């Protein structure tokens, strides 16, 4: 006939998720402060370069569209 399906209470699921998450975070190799600062500098430099390139391209395309339409 119909079998009963056992369901775990939600609090057990949350506790299990929290325990597993903490366990995984303990396995992570965190960067040192110096490494984090160097990587942050790299990201900011790449961000600035990409912003400049995209801004320049936007300027060129806006000039092109203005010349074509007017």
PDB file of N, CA and C in Angstrom:
ATOM      1  N   UNK A   1       0.828  -1.170   0.000  1.00  0.00           N
ATOM      2  CA  UNK A   1       0.000   0.000   0.000  1.00  0.00           C
ATOM      3  C   UNK A   1       0.882   1.247   0.000  1.00  0.00           C
ATOM      4  N   UNK A   2       0.364   2.325   0.500  1.00  0.00           N
ATOM      5  CA  UNK A   2       1.113   3.580   0.502  1.00  0.00           C
ATOM      6  C   UNK A   2       2.160   3.552   1.608  1.00  0.00           C
ATOM      7  N   UNK A   3       3.409   3.860   1.209  1.00  0.00           N
ATOM      8  CA  UNK A   3       4.489   3.899   2.192  1.00  0.00           C
ATOM      9  C   UNK A   3       4.614   5.314   2.728  1.00  0.00           C
ATOM     10  N   UNK A   4       4.941   5.394   4.001  1.00  0.00           N
ATOM     11  CA  UNK A   4       5.137   6.709   4.608  1.00  0.00           C
ATOM     12  C   UNK A   4       6.543   7.201   4.297  1.00  0.00           C
ATOM     13  N   UNK A   5       6.630   8.426   3.927  1.00  0.00           N
ATOM     14  CA  UNK A   5       7.921   9.044   3.658  1.00  0.00           C
ATOM     15  C   UNK A   5       8.314   9.839   4.891  1.00  0.00           C
ATOM     16  N   UNK A   6       9.477   9.501   5.433  1.00  0.00           N
ATOM     17  CA  UNK A   6       9.956  10.234   6.602  1.00  0.00           C
ATOM     18  C   UNK A   6      10.629  11.514   6.148  1.00  0.00           C
ATOM     19  N   UNK A   7      10.267  12.596   6.775  1.00  0.00           N
ATOM     20  CA  UNK A   7      10.878  13.884   6.446  1.00  0.00           C
ATOM     21  C   UNK A   7      11.577  14.419   7.672  1.00  0.00           C
ATOM     22  N   UNK A   8      12.766  14.963   7.445  1.00  0.00           N
ATOM     23  CA  UNK A   8      13.518  15.544   8.551  1.00  0.00           C
ATOM     24  C   UNK A   8      12.955  16.924   8.858  1.00  0.00           C
ATOM     25  N   UNK A   9      12.925  17.279  10.132  1.00  0.00           N
ATOM     26  CA  UNK A   9      12.490  18.638  10.459  1.00  0.00           C
ATOM     27  C   UNK A   9      13.431  19.663   9.845  1.00  0.00           C
ATOM     28  N   UNK A  10      12.888  20.842   9.536  1.00  0.00           N
ATOM     29  CA  UNK A  10      13.688  21.881   8.892  1.00  0.00           C
ATOM     30  C   UNK A  10      14.865  22.330   9.752  1.00  0.00           C
ATOM     31  N   UNK A  11      14.703  22.321  11.072  1.00  0.00           N
ATOM     32  CA  UNK A  11      15.794  22.775  11.924  1.00  0.00           C
ATOM     33  C   UNK A  11      17.016  21.872  11.767  1.00  0.00           C
ATOM     34  N   UNK A  12      16.813  20.583  11.543  1.00  0.00           N
ATOM     35  CA  UNK A  12      17.935  19.672  11.337  1.00  0.00           C
ATOM     36  C   UNK A  12      18.655  19.988  10.030  1.00  0.00           C
ATOM     37  N   UNK A  13      17.896  20.333   9.028  1.00  0.00           N
ATOM     38  CA  UNK A  13      18.500  20.682   7.735  1.00  0.00           C
ATOM     39  C   UNK A  13      19.351  21.942   7.860  1.00  0.00           C
ATOM     40  N   UNK A  14      18.830  22.916   8.582  1.00  0.00           N
ATOM     41  CA  UNK A  14      19.568  24.169   8.758  1.00  0.00           C
ATOM     42  C   UNK A  14      20.834  23.923   9.563  1.00  0.00           C
ATOM     43  N   UNK A  15      20.725  23.131  10.611  1.00  0.00           N
ATOM     44  CA  UNK A  15      21.904  22.810  11.427  1.00  0.00           C
ATOM     45  C   UNK A  15      22.932  22.044  10.603  1.00  0.00           C
ATOM     46  N   UNK A  16      22.480  21.102   9.789  1.00  0.00           N
ATOM     47  CA  UNK A  16      23.401  20.329   8.953  1.00  0.00           C
ATOM     48  C   UNK A  16      24.080  21.240   7.939  1.00  0.00           C
ATOM     49  N   UNK A  17      23.306  22.128   7.314  1.00  0.00           N
ATOM     50  CA  UNK A  17      23.874  23.061   6.342  1.00  0.00           C
ATOM     51  C   UNK A  17      24.939  23.935   7.003  1.00  0.00           C
ATOM     52  N   UNK A  18      24.635  24.438   8.202  1.00  0.00           N
ATOM     53  CA  UNK A  18      25.584  25.293   8.911  1.00  0.00           C
ATOM     54  C   UNK A  18      26.850  24.528   9.256  1.00  0.00           C
ATOM     55  N   UNK A  19      26.704  23.306   9.753  1.00  0.00           N
ATOM     56  CA  UNK A  19      27.866  22.486  10.104  1.00  0.00           C
ATOM     57  C   UNK A  19      28.728  22.214   8.872  1.00  0.00           C
ATOM     58  N   UNK A  20      28.099  21.864   7.756  1.00  0.00           N
ATOM     59  CA  UNK A  20      28.850  21.571   6.532  1.00  0.00           C
ATOM     60  C   UNK A  20      29.538  22.817   5.997  1.00  0.00           C
ATOM     61  N   UNK A  21      28.867  23.959   6.086  1.00  0.00           N
ATOM     62  CA  UNK A  21      29.455  25.205   5.607  1.00  0.00           C
ATOM     63  C   UNK A  21      30.684  25.578   6.427  1.00  0.00           C
ATOM     64  N   UNK A  22      30.581  25.485   7.732  1.00  0.00           N
ATOM     65  CA  UNK A  22      31.719  25.790   8.598  1.00  0.00           C
ATOM     66  C   UNK A  22      32.867  24.821   8.308  1.00  0.00           C
ATOM     67  N   UNK A  23      32.553  23.551   8.105  1.00  0.00           N
ATOM     68  CA  UNK A  23      33.584  22.564   7.778  1.00  0.00           C
ATOM     69  C   UNK A  23      34.298  22.889   6.483  1.00  0.00           C
ATOM     70  N   UNK A  24      33.553  23.314   5.478  1.00  0.00           N
ATOM     71  CA  UNK A  24      34.169  23.668   4.197  1.00  0.00           C
ATOM     72  C   UNK A  24      35.017  24.934   4.329  1.00  0.00           C
ATOM     73  N   UNK A  25      34.545  25.911   5.109  1.00  0.00           N
ATOM     74  CA  UNK A  25      35.311  27.145   5.279  1.00  0.00           C
ATOM     75  C   UNK A  25      36.620  26.901   6.006  1.00  0.00           C
ATOM     76  N   UNK A  26      36.676  25.873   6.843  1.00  0.00           N
ATOM     77  CA  UNK A  26      37.930  25.549   7.525  1.00  0.00           C
ATOM     78  C   UNK A  26      38.958  24.978   6.559  1.00  0.00           C
ATOM     79  N   UNK A  27      38.501  24.420   5.442  1.00  0.00           N
ATOM     80  CA  UNK A  27      39.414  23.842   4.447  1.00  0.00           C
ATOM     81  C   UNK A  27      40.014  24.904   3.528  1.00  0.00           C
ATOM     82  N   UNK A  28      39.424  26.093   3.514  1.00  0.00           N
ATOM     83  CA  UNK A  28      39.847  27.151   2.590  1.00  0.00           C
ATOM     84  C   UNK A  28      41.223  27.670   2.988  1.00  0.00           C
ATOM     85  N   UNK A  29      42.064  27.892   1.982  1.00  0.00           N
ATOM     86  CA  UNK A  29      43.354  28.532   2.211  1.00  0.00           C
ATOM     87  C   UNK A  29      43.165  30.018   1.967  1.00  0.00           C
ATOM     88  N   UNK A  30      43.122  30.780   3.032  1.00  0.00           N
ATOM     89  CA  UNK A  30      42.869  32.202   2.928  1.00  0.00           C
ATOM     90  C   UNK A  30      44.157  32.940   2.553  1.00  0.00           C
ATOM     91  N   UNK A  31      44.057  33.983   1.716  1.00  0.00           N
ATOM     92  CA  UNK A  31      45.262  34.738   1.356  1.00  0.00           C
ATOM     93  C   UNK A  31      45.751  35.572   2.536  1.00  0.00           C
ATOM     94  N   UNK A  32      47.045  35.855   2.511  1.00  0.00           N
ATOM     95  CA  UNK A  32      47.592  36.741   3.535  1.00  0.00           C
ATOM     96  C   UNK A  32      47.142  38.167   3.237  1.00  0.00           C
ATOM     97  N   UNK A  33      47.366  39.056   4.173  1.00  0.00           N
ATOM     98  CA  UNK A  33      46.976  40.454   3.971  1.00  0.00           C
ATOM     99  C   UNK A  33      47.726  41.048   2.782  1.00  0.00           C
ATOM    100  N   UNK A  34      49.008  40.720   2.655  1.00  0.00           N
ATOM    101  CA  UNK A  34      49.809  41.253   1.542  1.00  0.00           C
ATOM    102  C   UNK A  34      49.278  40.730   0.204  1.00  0.00           C
ATOM    103  N   UNK A  35      48.949  39.443   0.143  1.00  0.00           N
ATOM    104  CA  UNK A  35      48.407  38.881  -1.091  1.00  0.00           C
ATOM    105  C   UNK A  35      47.069  39.527  -1.441  1.00  0.00           C
ATOM    106  N   UNK A  36      46.224  39.722  -0.443  1.00  0.00           N
ATOM    107  CA  UNK A  36      44.917  40.346  -0.684  1.00  0.00           C
ATOM    108  C   UNK A  36      45.080  41.775  -1.195  1.00  0.00           C
ATOM    109  N   UNK A  37      46.025  42.515  -0.630  1.00  0.00           N
ATOM    110  CA  UNK A  37      46.257  43.884  -1.075  1.00  0.00           C
ATOM    111  C   UNK A  37      46.775  43.907  -2.514  1.00  0.00           C
ATOM    112  N   UNK A  38      47.715  43.011  -2.849  1.00  0.00           N
ATOM    113  CA  UNK A  38      48.248  42.962  -4.214  1.00  0.00           C
ATOM    114  C   UNK A  38      47.157  42.599  -5.213  1.00  0.00           C
ATOM    115  N   UNK A  39      46.333  41.630  -4.881  1.00  0.00           N
ATOM    116  CA  UNK A  39      45.256  41.236  -5.791  1.00  0.00           C
ATOM    117  C   UNK A  39      44.227  42.357  -5.938  1.00  0.00           C
ATOM    118  N   UNK A  40      43.979  43.087  -4.852  1.00  0.00           N
ATOM    119  CA  UNK A  40      43.052  44.216  -4.923  1.00  0.00           C
ATOM    120  C   UNK A  40      43.599  45.300  -5.841  1.00  0.00           C
ATOM    121  N   UNK A  41      44.889  45.569  -5.747  1.00  0.00           N
ATOM    122  CA  UNK A  41      45.519  46.565  -6.630  1.00  0.00           C
ATOM    123  C   UNK A  41      45.397  46.143  -8.092  1.00  0.00           C
ATOM    124  N   UNK A  42      45.629  44.862  -8.371  1.00  0.00           N
ATOM    125  CA  UNK A  42      45.521  44.368  -9.742  1.00  0.00           C
ATOM    126  C   UNK A  42      44.106  44.559 -10.266  1.00  0.00           C
ATOM    127  N   UNK A  43      43.121  44.213  -9.448  1.00  0.00           N
ATOM    128  CA  UNK A  43      41.722  44.366  -9.864  1.00  0.00           C
ATOM    129  C   UNK A  43      41.401  45.828 -10.145  1.00  0.00           C
ATOM    130  N   UNK A  44      41.847  46.730  -9.290  1.00  0.00           N
ATOM    131  CA  UNK A  44      41.565  48.149  -9.492  1.00  0.00           C
ATOM    132  C   UNK A  44      42.238  48.684 -10.752  1.00  0.00           C
ATOM    133  N   UNK A  45      43.465  48.237 -11.027  1.00  0.00           N
ATOM    134  CA  UNK A  45      44.167  48.672 -12.238  1.00  0.00           C
ATOM    135  C   UNK A  45      43.441  48.179 -13.489  1.00  0.00           C
ATOM    136  N   UNK A  46      43.064  46.905 -13.493  1.00  0.00           N
ATOM    137  CA  UNK A  46      42.335  46.350 -14.642  1.00  0.00           C
ATOM    138  C   UNK A  46      41.003  47.060 -14.812  1.00  0.00           C
ATOM    139  N   UNK A  47      40.328  47.345 -13.718  1.00  0.00           N
ATOM    140  CA  UNK A  47      39.062  48.061 -13.767  1.00  0.00           C
ATOM    141  C   UNK A  47      39.238  49.446 -14.388  1.00  0.00           C
ATOM    142  N   UNK A  48      40.280  50.170 -13.979  1.00  0.00           N
ATOM    143  CA  UNK A  48      40.526  51.512 -14.513  1.00  0.00           C
ATOM    144  C   UNK A  48      40.856  51.451 -16.006  1.00  0.00           C
ATOM    145  N   UNK A  49      41.683  50.492 -16.414  1.00  0.00           N
ATOM    146  CA  UNK A  49      42.044  50.356 -17.829  1.00  0.00           C
ATOM    147  C   UNK A  49      40.814  50.027 -18.666  1.00  0.00           C
ATOM    148  N   UNK A  50      40.005  49.091 -18.192  1.00  0.00           N
ATOM    149  CA  UNK A  50      38.803  48.717 -18.947  1.00  0.00           C
ATOM    150  C   UNK A  50      37.813  49.871 -19.023  1.00  0.00           C
ATOM    151  N   UNK A  51      37.685  50.638 -17.950  1.00  0.00           N
ATOM    152  CA  UNK A  51      36.794  51.799 -17.966  1.00  0.00           C
ATOM    153  C   UNK A  51      37.280  52.825 -18.986  1.00  0.00           C
ATOM    154  N   UNK A  52      38.598  53.038 -19.055  1.00  0.00           N
ATOM    155  CA  UNK A  52      39.155  53.986 -20.017  1.00  0.00           C
ATOM    156  C   UNK A  52      38.925  53.501 -21.449  1.00  0.00           C
ATOM    157  N   UNK A  53      39.165  52.222 -21.707  1.00  0.00           N
ATOM    158  CA  UNK A  53      38.977  51.666 -23.051  1.00  0.00           C
ATOM    159  C   UNK A  53      37.511  51.766 -23.463  1.00  0.00           C
ATOM    160  N   UNK A  54      36.612  51.355 -22.577  1.00  0.00           N
ATOM    161  CA  UNK A  54      35.187  51.418 -22.917  1.00  0.00           C
ATOM    162  C   UNK A  54      34.710  52.854 -23.074  1.00  0.00           C
ATOM    163  N   UNK A  55      35.218  53.758 -22.243  1.00  0.00           N
ATOM    164  CA  UNK A  55      34.859  55.175 -22.391  1.00  0.00           C
ATOM    165  C   UNK A  55      35.334  55.733 -23.718  1.00  0.00           C
ATOM    166  N   UNK A  56      36.554  55.383 -24.125  1.00  0.00           N
ATOM    167  CA  UNK A  56      37.096  55.836 -25.408  1.00  0.00           C
ATOM    168  C   UNK A  56      36.279  55.278 -26.570  1.00  0.00           C
ATOM    169  N   UNK A  57      35.960  53.990 -26.504  1.00  0.00           N
ATOM    170  CA  UNK A  57      35.143  53.393 -27.563  1.00  0.00           C
ATOM    171  C   UNK A  57      33.757  54.023 -27.623  1.00  0.00           C
ATOM    172  N   UNK A  58      33.180  54.315 -26.491  1.00  0.00           N
ATOM    173  CA  UNK A  58      31.876  54.974 -26.450  1.00  0.00           C
ATOM    174  C   UNK A  58      31.960  56.347 -27.110  1.00  0.00           C
ATOM    175  N   UNK A  59      33.030  57.070 -26.816  1.00  0.00           N
ATOM    176  CA  UNK A  59      33.228  58.383 -27.420  1.00  0.00           C
ATOM    177  C   UNK A  59      33.362  58.270 -28.946  1.00  0.00           C
ATOM    178  N   UNK A  60      34.158  57.308 -29.413  1.00  0.00           N
ATOM    179  CA  UNK A  60      34.327  57.124 -30.859  1.00  0.00           C
ATOM    180  C   UNK A  60      33.020  56.745 -31.545  1.00  0.00           C
ATOM    181  N   UNK A  61      32.282  55.818 -30.946  1.00  0.00           N
ATOM    182  CA  UNK A  61      31.014  55.407 -31.551  1.00  0.00           C
ATOM    183  C   UNK A  61      29.987  56.536 -31.539  1.00  0.00           C
ATOM    184  N   UNK A  62      29.987  57.355 -30.498  1.00  0.00           N
ATOM    185  CA  UNK A  62      29.048  58.475 -30.473  1.00  0.00           C
ATOM    186  C   UNK A  62      29.405  59.499 -31.560  1.00  0.00           C
ATOM    187  N   UNK A  63      30.735  59.720 -31.798  1.00  0.00           N
ATOM    188  CA  UNK A  63      31.137  60.600 -32.891  1.00  0.00           C
ATOM    189  C   UNK A  63      30.718  60.014 -34.243  1.00  0.00           C
ATOM    190  N   UNK A  64      30.890  58.718 -34.413  1.00  0.00           N
ATOM    191  CA  UNK A  64      30.522  58.050 -35.658  1.00  0.00           C
ATOM    192  C   UNK A  64      29.023  58.155 -35.905  1.00  0.00           C
ATOM    193  N   UNK A  65      28.235  57.899 -34.906  1.00  0.00           N
ATOM    194  CA  UNK A  65      26.777  57.968 -35.054  1.00  0.00           C
ATOM    195  C   UNK A  65      26.356  59.411 -35.346  1.00  0.00           C
ATOM    196  N   UNK A  66      26.984  60.378 -34.706  1.00  0.00           N
ATOM    197  CA  UNK A  66      26.650  61.779 -34.944  1.00  0.00           C
ATOM    198  C   UNK A  66      26.977  62.156 -36.387  1.00  0.00           C
ATOM    199  N   UNK A  67      28.129  61.702 -36.901  1.00  0.00           N
ATOM    200  CA  UNK A  67      28.510  62.020 -38.284  1.00  0.00           C
ATOM    201  C   UNK A  67      27.556  61.361 -39.280  1.00  0.00           C
ATOM    202  N   UNK A  68      27.125  60.136 -38.990  1.00  0.00           N
ATOM    203  CA  UNK A  68      26.243  59.420 -39.920  1.00  0.00           C
ATOM    204  C   UNK A  68      24.848  60.027 -39.923  1.00  0.00           C
ATOM    205  N   UNK A  69      24.339  60.394 -38.764  1.00  0.00           N
ATOM    206  CA  UNK A  69      22.951  60.876 -38.684  1.00  0.00           C
ATOM    207  C   UNK A  69      22.802  62.344 -39.032  1.00  0.00           C
ATOM    208  N   UNK A  70      23.831  63.150 -38.876  1.00  0.00           N
ATOM    209  CA  UNK A  70      23.694  64.589 -39.160  1.00  0.00           C
ATOM    210  C   UNK A  70      24.293  65.000 -40.446  1.00  0.00           C
TER     211      UNK A  70
END
